Amino acid sequence: MNIAILGWGSLIWDKRDLPIVGDWQAGGPVLPIEFSRVSGDGRLTLVIDEQNGADVTTRYARSERVNLSEAVASLQKRENNPPKERIGFVNLVSNTE
């Protein structure tokens, strides 16, 4: 299974140990992004915000993981372990989200 990770903000310039193949690519979907969340360490964070967000063209990269659960876990680790319910996905094979 090929898994794409969408990125914006610090994820693009600081992927840390997020396992991706190659570099971030331009041309991801346009999403409403805004500084609408305060992170655990007090930083203002860019998130999808359907009410206040501005349209931003995201980037994408292919995950090194071939299992969706493992890809979500890798992103959780990079984002300092938010609940997995806060990491969205669309599975085109099983038609789930």
PDB file of N, CA and C in Angstrom:
ATOM      1  N   MET A   1       0.853  -1.176   0.000  1.00  0.00           N
ATOM      2  CA  MET A   1       0.000   0.000   0.000  1.00  0.00           C
ATOM      3  C   MET A   1       0.898   1.238   0.000  1.00  0.00           C
ATOM      4  N   ASN A   2       0.602   2.203  -0.850  1.00  0.00           N
ATOM      5  CA  ASN A   2       1.298   3.490  -0.846  1.00  0.00           C
ATOM      6  C   ASN A   2       0.536   4.441   0.047  1.00  0.00           C
ATOM      7  N   ILE A   3       1.249   5.093   0.940  1.00  0.00           N
ATOM      8  CA  ILE A   3       0.648   6.018   1.893  1.00  0.00           C
ATOM      9  C   ILE A   3       1.309   7.378   1.714  1.00  0.00           C
ATOM     10  N   ALA A   4       0.494   8.400   1.490  1.00  0.00           N
ATOM     11  CA  ALA A   4       0.999   9.767   1.372  1.00  0.00           C
ATOM     12  C   ALA A   4       0.702  10.509   2.670  1.00  0.00           C
ATOM     13  N   ILE A   5       1.648  11.317   3.088  1.00  0.00           N
ATOM     14  CA  ILE A   5       1.479  12.173   4.261  1.00  0.00           C
ATOM     15  C   ILE A   5       1.377  13.596   3.750  1.00  0.00           C
ATOM     16  N   LEU A   6       0.367  14.317   4.221  1.00  0.00           N
ATOM     17  CA  LEU A   6       0.227  15.727   3.864  1.00  0.00           C
ATOM     18  C   LEU A   6       0.960  16.566   4.898  1.00  0.00           C
ATOM     19  N   GLY A   7       1.594  17.630   4.430  1.00  0.00           N
ATOM     20  CA  GLY A   7       2.350  18.467   5.352  1.00  0.00           C
ATOM     21  C   GLY A   7       2.201  19.938   5.068  1.00  0.00           C
ATOM     22  N   TRP A   8       2.384  20.722   6.131  1.00  0.00           N
ATOM     23  CA  TRP A   8       2.428  22.179   6.067  1.00  0.00           C
ATOM     24  C   TRP A   8       3.193  22.637   7.302  1.00  0.00           C
ATOM     25  N   GLY A   9       3.603  23.871   7.316  1.00  0.00           N
ATOM     26  CA  GLY A   9       4.287  24.425   8.485  1.00  0.00           C
ATOM     27  C   GLY A   9       5.583  23.704   8.809  1.00  0.00           C
ATOM     28  N   SER A  10       5.826  23.543  10.101  1.00  0.00           N
ATOM     29  CA  SER A  10       7.116  23.016  10.557  1.00  0.00           C
ATOM     30  C   SER A  10       7.384  21.588  10.105  1.00  0.00           C
ATOM     31  N   LEU A  11       6.359  20.836   9.793  1.00  0.00           N
ATOM     32  CA  LEU A  11       6.586  19.463   9.334  1.00  0.00           C
ATOM     33  C   LEU A  11       7.427  19.442   8.055  1.00  0.00           C
ATOM     34  N   ILE A  12       7.294  20.478   7.235  1.00  0.00           N
ATOM     35  CA  ILE A  12       8.034  20.546   5.974  1.00  0.00           C
ATOM     36  C   ILE A  12       9.518  20.800   6.222  1.00  0.00           C
ATOM     37  N   TRP A  13       9.841  21.749   7.069  1.00  0.00           N
ATOM     38  CA  TRP A  13      11.257  22.089   7.268  1.00  0.00           C
ATOM     39  C   TRP A  13      11.900  21.381   8.448  1.00  0.00           C
ATOM     40  N   ASP A  14      11.103  20.608   9.220  1.00  0.00           N
ATOM     41  CA  ASP A  14      11.651  19.871  10.361  1.00  0.00           C
ATOM     42  C   ASP A  14      10.927  18.538  10.499  1.00  0.00           C
ATOM     43  N   LYS A  15      11.200  17.608   9.586  1.00  0.00           N
ATOM     44  CA  LYS A  15      10.490  16.326   9.616  1.00  0.00           C
ATOM     45  C   LYS A  15      10.942  15.440  10.765  1.00  0.00           C
ATOM     46  N   ARG A  16      12.078  15.804  11.396  1.00  0.00           N
ATOM     47  CA  ARG A  16      12.678  15.006  12.478  1.00  0.00           C
ATOM     48  C   ARG A  16      12.854  13.576  12.008  1.00  0.00           C
ATOM     49  N   ASP A  17      12.278  12.616  12.728  1.00  0.00           N
ATOM     50  CA  ASP A  17      12.478  11.216  12.363  1.00  0.00           C
ATOM     51  C   ASP A  17      11.265  10.622  11.640  1.00  0.00           C
ATOM     52  N   LEU A  18      10.434  11.488  11.042  1.00  0.00           N
ATOM     53  CA  LEU A  18       9.295  10.994  10.278  1.00  0.00           C
ATOM     54  C   LEU A  18       9.813  10.252   9.046  1.00  0.00           C
ATOM     55  N   PRO A  19       9.505   8.972   8.907  1.00  0.00           N
ATOM     56  CA  PRO A  19      10.062   8.190   7.803  1.00  0.00           C
ATOM     57  C   PRO A  19       9.308   8.428   6.487  1.00  0.00           C
ATOM     58  N   ILE A  20       9.909   9.272   5.633  1.00  0.00           N
ATOM     59  CA  ILE A  20       9.325   9.522   4.315  1.00  0.00           C
ATOM     60  C   ILE A  20      10.335   9.134   3.243  1.00  0.00           C
ATOM     61  N   VAL A  21       9.812   8.895   2.038  1.00  0.00           N
ATOM     62  CA  VAL A  21      10.643   8.560   0.892  1.00  0.00           C
ATOM     63  C   VAL A  21      10.892   9.844   0.107  1.00  0.00           C
ATOM     64  N   GLY A  22      12.145  10.238  -0.033  1.00  0.00           N
ATOM     65  CA  GLY A  22      12.462  11.438  -0.795  1.00  0.00           C
ATOM     66  C   GLY A  22      12.118  12.709  -0.045  1.00  0.00           C
ATOM     67  N   ASP A  23      11.830  13.741  -0.816  1.00  0.00           N
ATOM     68  CA  ASP A  23      11.531  15.059  -0.263  1.00  0.00           C
ATOM     69  C   ASP A  23      10.042  15.358  -0.363  1.00  0.00           C
ATOM     70  N   TRP A  24       9.636  16.411   0.332  1.00  0.00           N
ATOM     71  CA  TRP A  24       8.261  16.891   0.226  1.00  0.00           C
ATOM     72  C   TRP A  24       8.021  17.405  -1.185  1.00  0.00           C
ATOM     73  N   GLN A  25       6.862  17.104  -1.730  1.00  0.00           N
ATOM     74  CA  GLN A  25       6.502  17.494  -3.086  1.00  0.00           C
ATOM     75  C   GLN A  25       5.426  18.578  -3.056  1.00  0.00           C
ATOM     76  N   ALA A  26       5.518  19.526  -3.968  1.00  0.00           N
ATOM     77  CA  ALA A  26       4.491  20.552  -4.109  1.00  0.00           C
ATOM     78  C   ALA A  26       3.249  19.928  -4.731  1.00  0.00           C
ATOM     79  N   GLY A  27       2.113  20.583  -4.542  1.00  0.00           N
ATOM     80  CA  GLY A  27       0.909  20.147  -5.243  1.00  0.00           C
ATOM     81  C   GLY A  27      -0.047  19.316  -4.431  1.00  0.00           C
ATOM     82  N   GLY A  28       0.062  19.348  -3.104  1.00  0.00           N
ATOM     83  CA  GLY A  28      -0.923  18.664  -2.277  1.00  0.00           C
ATOM     84  C   GLY A  28      -2.253  19.403  -2.337  1.00  0.00           C
ATOM     85  N   PRO A  29      -3.270  18.864  -1.679  1.00  0.00           N
ATOM     86  CA  PRO A  29      -4.576  19.525  -1.713  1.00  0.00           C
ATOM     87  C   PRO A  29      -4.561  20.859  -0.974  1.00  0.00           C
ATOM     88  N   VAL A  30      -5.477  21.723  -1.347  1.00  0.00           N
ATOM     89  CA  VAL A  30      -5.660  23.000  -0.656  1.00  0.00           C
ATOM     90  C   VAL A  30      -6.531  22.740   0.571  1.00  0.00           C
ATOM     91  N   LEU A  31      -6.032  23.169   1.735  1.00  0.00           N
ATOM     92  CA  LEU A  31      -6.754  22.982   2.996  1.00  0.00           C
ATOM     93  C   LEU A  31      -6.815  24.304   3.749  1.00  0.00           C
ATOM     94  N   PRO A  32      -7.854  24.500   4.575  1.00  0.00           N
ATOM     95  CA  PRO A  32      -7.950  25.732   5.373  1.00  0.00           C
ATOM     96  C   PRO A  32      -7.032  25.634   6.599  1.00  0.00           C
ATOM     97  N   ILE A  33      -5.909  26.340   6.567  1.00  0.00           N
ATOM     98  CA  ILE A  33      -4.887  26.255   7.604  1.00  0.00           C
ATOM     99  C   ILE A  33      -4.823  27.582   8.370  1.00  0.00           C
ATOM    100  N   GLU A  34      -4.685  27.481   9.693  1.00  0.00           N
ATOM    101  CA  GLU A  34      -4.585  28.687  10.525  1.00  0.00           C
ATOM    102  C   GLU A  34      -3.832  28.352  11.805  1.00  0.00           C
ATOM    103  N   PHE A  35      -3.230  29.368  12.426  1.00  0.00           N
ATOM    104  CA  PHE A  35      -2.616  29.227  13.748  1.00  0.00           C
ATOM    105  C   PHE A  35      -3.755  29.193  14.776  1.00  0.00           C
ATOM    106  N   SER A  36      -4.303  28.022  15.020  1.00  0.00           N
ATOM    107  CA  SER A  36      -5.501  27.910  15.853  1.00  0.00           C
ATOM    108  C   SER A  36      -5.349  26.964  17.037  1.00  0.00           C
ATOM    109  N   ARG A  37      -4.137  26.519  17.320  1.00  0.00           N
ATOM    110  CA  ARG A  37      -3.947  25.609  18.449  1.00  0.00           C
ATOM    111  C   ARG A  37      -2.659  25.977  19.164  1.00  0.00           C
ATOM    112  N   VAL A  38      -2.686  25.855  20.484  1.00  0.00           N
ATOM    113  CA  VAL A  38      -1.489  26.056  21.287  1.00  0.00           C
ATOM    114  C   VAL A  38      -0.957  24.673  21.641  1.00  0.00           C
ATOM    115  N   SER A  39       0.311  24.430  21.293  1.00  0.00           N
ATOM    116  CA  SER A  39       0.907  23.123  21.557  1.00  0.00           C
ATOM    117  C   SER A  39       1.225  22.972  23.041  1.00  0.00           C
ATOM    118  N   GLY A  40       1.623  21.770  23.428  1.00  0.00           N
ATOM    119  CA  GLY A  40       1.927  21.477  24.821  1.00  0.00           C
ATOM    120  C   GLY A  40       3.020  22.354  25.400  1.00  0.00           C
ATOM    121  N   ASP A  41       3.937  22.828  24.551  1.00  0.00           N
ATOM    122  CA  ASP A  41       5.013  23.684  25.045  1.00  0.00           C
ATOM    123  C   ASP A  41       4.711  25.173  24.861  1.00  0.00           C
ATOM    124  N   GLY A  42       3.453  25.501  24.549  1.00  0.00           N
ATOM    125  CA  GLY A  42       3.025  26.893  24.479  1.00  0.00           C
ATOM    126  C   GLY A  42       3.163  27.569  23.129  1.00  0.00           C
ATOM    127  N   ARG A  43       3.638  26.846  22.110  1.00  0.00           N
ATOM    128  CA  ARG A  43       3.769  27.451  20.779  1.00  0.00           C
ATOM    129  C   ARG A  43       2.431  27.467  20.059  1.00  0.00           C
ATOM    130  N   LEU A  44       2.199  28.518  19.293  1.00  0.00           N
ATOM    131  CA  LEU A  44       1.032  28.589  18.427  1.00  0.00           C
ATOM    132  C   LEU A  44       1.290  27.694  17.225  1.00  0.00           C
ATOM    133  N   THR A  45       0.308  26.857  16.867  1.00  0.00           N
ATOM    134  CA  THR A  45       0.518  25.803  15.882  1.00  0.00           C
ATOM    135  C   THR A  45      -0.473  25.903  14.728  1.00  0.00           C
ATOM    136  N   LEU A  46       0.024  25.658  13.521  1.00  0.00           N
ATOM    137  CA  LEU A  46      -0.833  25.626  12.338  1.00  0.00           C
ATOM    138  C   LEU A  46      -1.613  24.317  12.291  1.00  0.00           C
ATOM    139  N   VAL A  47      -2.921  24.431  12.129  1.00  0.00           N
ATOM    140  CA  VAL A  47      -3.796  23.262  12.047  1.00  0.00           C
ATOM    141  C   VAL A  47      -4.871  23.509  10.993  1.00  0.00           C
ATOM    142  N   ILE A  48      -5.565  22.450  10.620  1.00  0.00           N
ATOM    143  CA  ILE A  48      -6.739  22.607   9.752  1.00  0.00           C
ATOM    144  C   ILE A  48      -7.830  23.256  10.582  1.00  0.00           C
ATOM    145  N   ASP A  49      -8.340  24.369  10.091  1.00  0.00           N
ATOM    146  CA  ASP A  49      -9.381  25.120  10.797  1.00  0.00           C
ATOM    147  C   ASP A  49     -10.432  25.525   9.763  1.00  0.00           C
ATOM    148  N   GLU A  50     -11.519  24.773   9.717  1.00  0.00           N
ATOM    149  CA  GLU A  50     -12.532  24.991   8.679  1.00  0.00           C
ATOM    150  C   GLU A  50     -13.267  26.315   8.828  1.00  0.00           C
ATOM    151  N   GLN A  51     -13.271  26.911  10.016  1.00  0.00           N
ATOM    152  CA  GLN A  51     -13.972  28.188  10.210  1.00  0.00           C
ATOM    153  C   GLN A  51     -13.088  29.396   9.946  1.00  0.00           C
ATOM    154  N   ASN A  52     -11.818  29.342  10.374  1.00  0.00           N
ATOM    155  CA  ASN A  52     -10.958  30.520  10.306  1.00  0.00           C
ATOM    156  C   ASN A  52      -9.757  30.367   9.376  1.00  0.00           C
ATOM    157  N   GLY A  53      -9.567  29.187   8.811  1.00  0.00           N
ATOM    158  CA  GLY A  53      -8.370  28.921   8.024  1.00  0.00           C
ATOM    159  C   GLY A  53      -8.351  29.615   6.676  1.00  0.00           C
ATOM    160  N   ALA A  54      -7.137  29.902   6.241  1.00  0.00           N
ATOM    161  CA  ALA A  54      -6.911  30.428   4.894  1.00  0.00           C
ATOM    162  C   ALA A  54      -6.525  29.257   4.000  1.00  0.00           C
ATOM    163  N   ASP A  55      -6.914  29.317   2.743  1.00  0.00           N
ATOM    164  CA  ASP A  55      -6.582  28.242   1.811  1.00  0.00           C
ATOM    165  C   ASP A  55      -5.068  28.180   1.590  1.00  0.00           C
ATOM    166  N   VAL A  56      -4.507  27.020   1.887  1.00  0.00           N
ATOM    167  CA  VAL A  56      -3.069  26.792   1.753  1.00  0.00           C
ATOM    168  C   VAL A  56      -2.875  25.523   0.922  1.00  0.00           C
ATOM    169  N   THR A  57      -2.020  25.616  -0.083  1.00  0.00           N
ATOM    170  CA  THR A  57      -1.671  24.422  -0.841  1.00  0.00           C
ATOM    171  C   THR A  57      -0.647  23.640  -0.032  1.00  0.00           C
ATOM    172  N   THR A  58      -1.008  22.436   0.359  1.00  0.00           N
ATOM    173  CA  THR A  58      -0.135  21.612   1.178  1.00  0.00           C
ATOM    174  C   THR A  58       0.923  20.932   0.312  1.00  0.00           C
ATOM    175  N   ARG A  59       1.831  20.257   0.972  1.00  0.00           N
ATOM    176  CA  ARG A  59       2.821  19.412   0.305  1.00  0.00           C
ATOM    177  C   ARG A  59       2.518  17.971   0.682  1.00  0.00           C
ATOM    178  N   TYR A  60       3.148  17.056  -0.004  1.00  0.00           N
ATOM    179  CA  TYR A  60       2.936  15.648   0.317  1.00  0.00           C
ATOM    180  C   TYR A  60       4.242  14.890   0.157  1.00  0.00           C
ATOM    181  N   ALA A  61       4.334  13.780   0.871  1.00  0.00           N
ATOM    182  CA  ALA A  61       5.481  12.881   0.754  1.00  0.00           C
ATOM    183  C   ALA A  61       4.971  11.466   0.951  1.00  0.00           C
ATOM    184  N   ARG A  62       5.650  10.522   0.330  1.00  0.00           N
ATOM    185  CA  ARG A  62       5.283   9.120   0.515  1.00  0.00           C
ATOM    186  C   ARG A  62       5.911   8.615   1.801  1.00  0.00           C
ATOM    187  N   SER A  63       5.096   7.956   2.608  1.00  0.00           N
ATOM    188  CA  SER A  63       5.582   7.366   3.850  1.00  0.00           C
ATOM    189  C   SER A  63       6.421   6.134   3.541  1.00  0.00           C
ATOM    190  N   GLU A  64       7.459   5.905   4.347  1.00  0.00           N
ATOM    191  CA  GLU A  64       8.210   4.654   4.234  1.00  0.00           C
ATOM    192  C   GLU A  64       7.377   3.484   4.746  1.00  0.00           C
ATOM    193  N   ARG A  65       6.371   3.769   5.540  1.00  0.00           N
ATOM    194  CA  ARG A  65       5.512   2.721   6.095  1.00  0.00           C
ATOM    195  C   ARG A  65       4.538   2.242   5.024  1.00  0.00           C
ATOM    196  N   VAL A  66       4.225   0.955   5.035  1.00  0.00           N
ATOM    197  CA  VAL A  66       3.263   0.393   4.087  1.00  0.00           C
ATOM    198  C   VAL A  66       1.985  -0.035   4.794  1.00  0.00           C
ATOM    199  N   ASN A  67       1.933   0.152   6.093  1.00  0.00           N
ATOM    200  CA  ASN A  67       0.774  -0.173   6.913  1.00  0.00           C
ATOM    201  C   ASN A  67       0.228   1.131   7.475  1.00  0.00           C
ATOM    202  N   LEU A  68      -1.073   1.382   7.298  1.00  0.00           N
ATOM    203  CA  LEU A  68      -1.664   2.647   7.715  1.00  0.00           C
ATOM    204  C   LEU A  68      -1.493   2.897   9.208  1.00  0.00           C
ATOM    205  N   SER A  69      -1.692   1.876  10.032  1.00  0.00           N
ATOM    206  CA  SER A  69      -1.542   2.050  11.483  1.00  0.00           C
ATOM    207  C   SER A  69      -0.122   2.478  11.843  1.00  0.00           C
ATOM    208  N   GLU A  70       0.871   1.904  11.157  1.00  0.00           N
ATOM    209  CA  GLU A  70       2.261   2.268  11.420  1.00  0.00           C
ATOM    210  C   GLU A  70       2.561   3.691  10.940  1.00  0.00           C
ATOM    211  N   ALA A  71       1.970   4.087   9.821  1.00  0.00           N
ATOM    212  CA  ALA A  71       2.166   5.448   9.323  1.00  0.00           C
ATOM    213  C   ALA A  71       1.561   6.463  10.285  1.00  0.00           C
ATOM    214  N   VAL A  72       0.377   6.163  10.801  1.00  0.00           N
ATOM    215  CA  VAL A  72      -0.264   7.049  11.790  1.00  0.00           C
ATOM    216  C   VAL A  72       0.604   7.121  13.041  1.00  0.00           C
ATOM    217  N   ALA A  73       1.114   5.985  13.505  1.00  0.00           N
ATOM    218  CA  ALA A  73       1.965   5.959  14.700  1.00  0.00           C
ATOM    219  C   ALA A  73       3.232   6.792  14.493  1.00  0.00           C
ATOM    220  N   SER A  74       3.811   6.742  13.295  1.00  0.00           N
ATOM    221  CA  SER A  74       5.007   7.538  13.001  1.00  0.00           C
ATOM    222  C   SER A  74       4.700   9.023  13.057  1.00  0.00           C
ATOM    223  N   LEU A  75       3.548   9.412  12.521  1.00  0.00           N
ATOM    224  CA  LEU A  75       3.157  10.814  12.562  1.00  0.00           C
ATOM    225  C   LEU A  75       2.829  11.238  13.994  1.00  0.00           C
ATOM    226  N   GLN A  76       2.196  10.354  14.752  1.00  0.00           N
ATOM    227  CA  GLN A  76       1.939  10.650  16.169  1.00  0.00           C
ATOM    228  C   GLN A  76       3.246  10.942  16.894  1.00  0.00           C
ATOM    229  N   LYS A  77       4.244  10.114  16.660  1.00  0.00           N
ATOM    230  CA  LYS A  77       5.540  10.298  17.316  1.00  0.00           C
ATOM    231  C   LYS A  77       6.142  11.643  16.934  1.00  0.00           C
ATOM    232  N   ARG A  78       6.133  11.986  15.644  1.00  0.00           N
ATOM    233  CA  ARG A  78       6.688  13.265  15.183  1.00  0.00           C
ATOM    234  C   ARG A  78       5.950  14.446  15.801  1.00  0.00           C
ATOM    235  N   GLU A  79       4.647  14.296  16.016  1.00  0.00           N
ATOM    236  CA  GLU A  79       3.824  15.387  16.551  1.00  0.00           C
ATOM    237  C   GLU A  79       3.689  15.316  18.074  1.00  0.00           C
ATOM    238  N   ASN A  80       4.583  14.612  18.731  1.00  0.00           N
ATOM    239  CA  ASN A  80       4.605  14.499  20.198  1.00  0.00           C
ATOM    240  C   ASN A  80       3.386  13.794  20.768  1.00  0.00           C
ATOM    241  N   ASN A  81       2.943  12.758  20.066  1.00  0.00           N
ATOM    242  CA  ASN A  81       1.940  11.804  20.534  1.00  0.00           C
ATOM    243  C   ASN A  81       0.538  12.349  20.842  1.00  0.00           C
ATOM    244  N   PRO A  82      -0.055  13.075  19.899  1.00  0.00           N
ATOM    245  CA  PRO A  82      -1.472  13.407  20.095  1.00  0.00           C
ATOM    246  C   PRO A  82      -2.296  12.128  19.968  1.00  0.00           C
ATOM    247  N   PRO A  83      -3.524  12.124  20.483  1.00  0.00           N
ATOM    248  CA  PRO A  83      -4.371  10.936  20.295  1.00  0.00           C
ATOM    249  C   PRO A  83      -4.519  10.640  18.802  1.00  0.00           C
ATOM    250  N   LYS A  84      -4.536   9.347  18.453  1.00  0.00           N
ATOM    251  CA  LYS A  84      -4.609   8.992  17.027  1.00  0.00           C
ATOM    252  C   LYS A  84      -5.889   9.499  16.387  1.00  0.00           C
ATOM    253  N   GLU A  85      -6.912   9.771  17.177  1.00  0.00           N
ATOM    254  CA  GLU A  85      -8.166  10.322  16.646  1.00  0.00           C
ATOM    255  C   GLU A  85      -7.963  11.722  16.071  1.00  0.00           C
ATOM    256  N   ARG A  86      -6.859  12.389  16.423  1.00  0.00           N
ATOM    257  CA  ARG A  86      -6.583  13.735  15.923  1.00  0.00           C
ATOM    258  C   ARG A  86      -5.766  13.711  14.642  1.00  0.00           C
ATOM    259  N   ILE A  87      -5.450  12.503  14.146  1.00  0.00           N
ATOM    260  CA  ILE A  87      -4.718  12.374  12.893  1.00  0.00           C
ATOM    261  C   ILE A  87      -5.674  11.792  11.861  1.00  0.00           C
ATOM    262  N   GLY A  88      -6.035  12.625  10.903  1.00  0.00           N
ATOM    263  CA  GLY A  88      -7.002  12.196   9.903  1.00  0.00           C
ATOM    264  C   GLY A  88      -6.361  11.349   8.820  1.00  0.00           C
ATOM    265  N   PHE A  89      -7.175  10.558   8.160  1.00  0.00           N
ATOM    266  CA  PHE A  89      -6.707   9.748   7.041  1.00  0.00           C
ATOM    267  C   PHE A  89      -7.875   9.458   6.122  1.00  0.00           C
ATOM    268  N   VAL A  90      -7.544   9.129   4.907  1.00  0.00           N
ATOM    269  CA  VAL A  90      -8.512   8.628   3.940  1.00  0.00           C
ATOM    270  C   VAL A  90      -7.888   7.373   3.346  1.00  0.00           C
ATOM    271  N   ASN A  91      -8.594   6.261   3.445  1.00  0.00           N
ATOM    272  CA  ASN A  91      -8.121   5.003   2.886  1.00  0.00           C
ATOM    273  C   ASN A  91      -8.940   4.732   1.627  1.00  0.00           C
ATOM    274  N   LEU A  92      -8.314   4.891   0.478  1.00  0.00           N
ATOM    275  CA  LEU A  92      -9.020   4.715  -0.796  1.00  0.00           C
ATOM    276  C   LEU A  92      -9.285   3.245  -1.111  1.00  0.00           C
ATOM    277  N   VAL A  93      -8.551   2.340  -0.466  1.00  0.00           N
ATOM    278  CA  VAL A  93      -8.756   0.900  -0.692  1.00  0.00           C
ATOM    279  C   VAL A  93     -10.027   0.425  -0.002  1.00  0.00           C
ATOM    280  N   SER A  94     -10.157   0.790   1.292  1.00  0.00           N
ATOM    281  CA  SER A  94     -11.310   0.333   2.065  1.00  0.00           C
ATOM    282  C   SER A  94     -12.434   1.374   2.132  1.00  0.00           C
ATOM    283  N   ASN A  95     -12.217   2.542   1.495  1.00  0.00           N
ATOM    284  CA  ASN A  95     -13.199   3.613   1.490  1.00  0.00           C
ATOM    285  C   ASN A  95     -13.589   4.031   2.911  1.00  0.00           C
ATOM    286  N   THR A  96     -12.554   4.232   3.758  1.00  0.00           N
ATOM    287  CA  THR A  96     -12.784   4.674   5.137  1.00  0.00           C
ATOM    288  C   THR A  96     -12.007   5.956   5.376  1.00  0.00           C
ATOM    289  N   GLU A  97     -12.407   6.642   6.446  1.00  0.00           N
ATOM    290  CA  GLU A  97     -11.694   7.873   6.832  1.00  0.00           C
ATOM    291  C   GLU A  97     -11.754   8.023   8.331  1.00  0.00           C
TER     292      GLU A  97
END
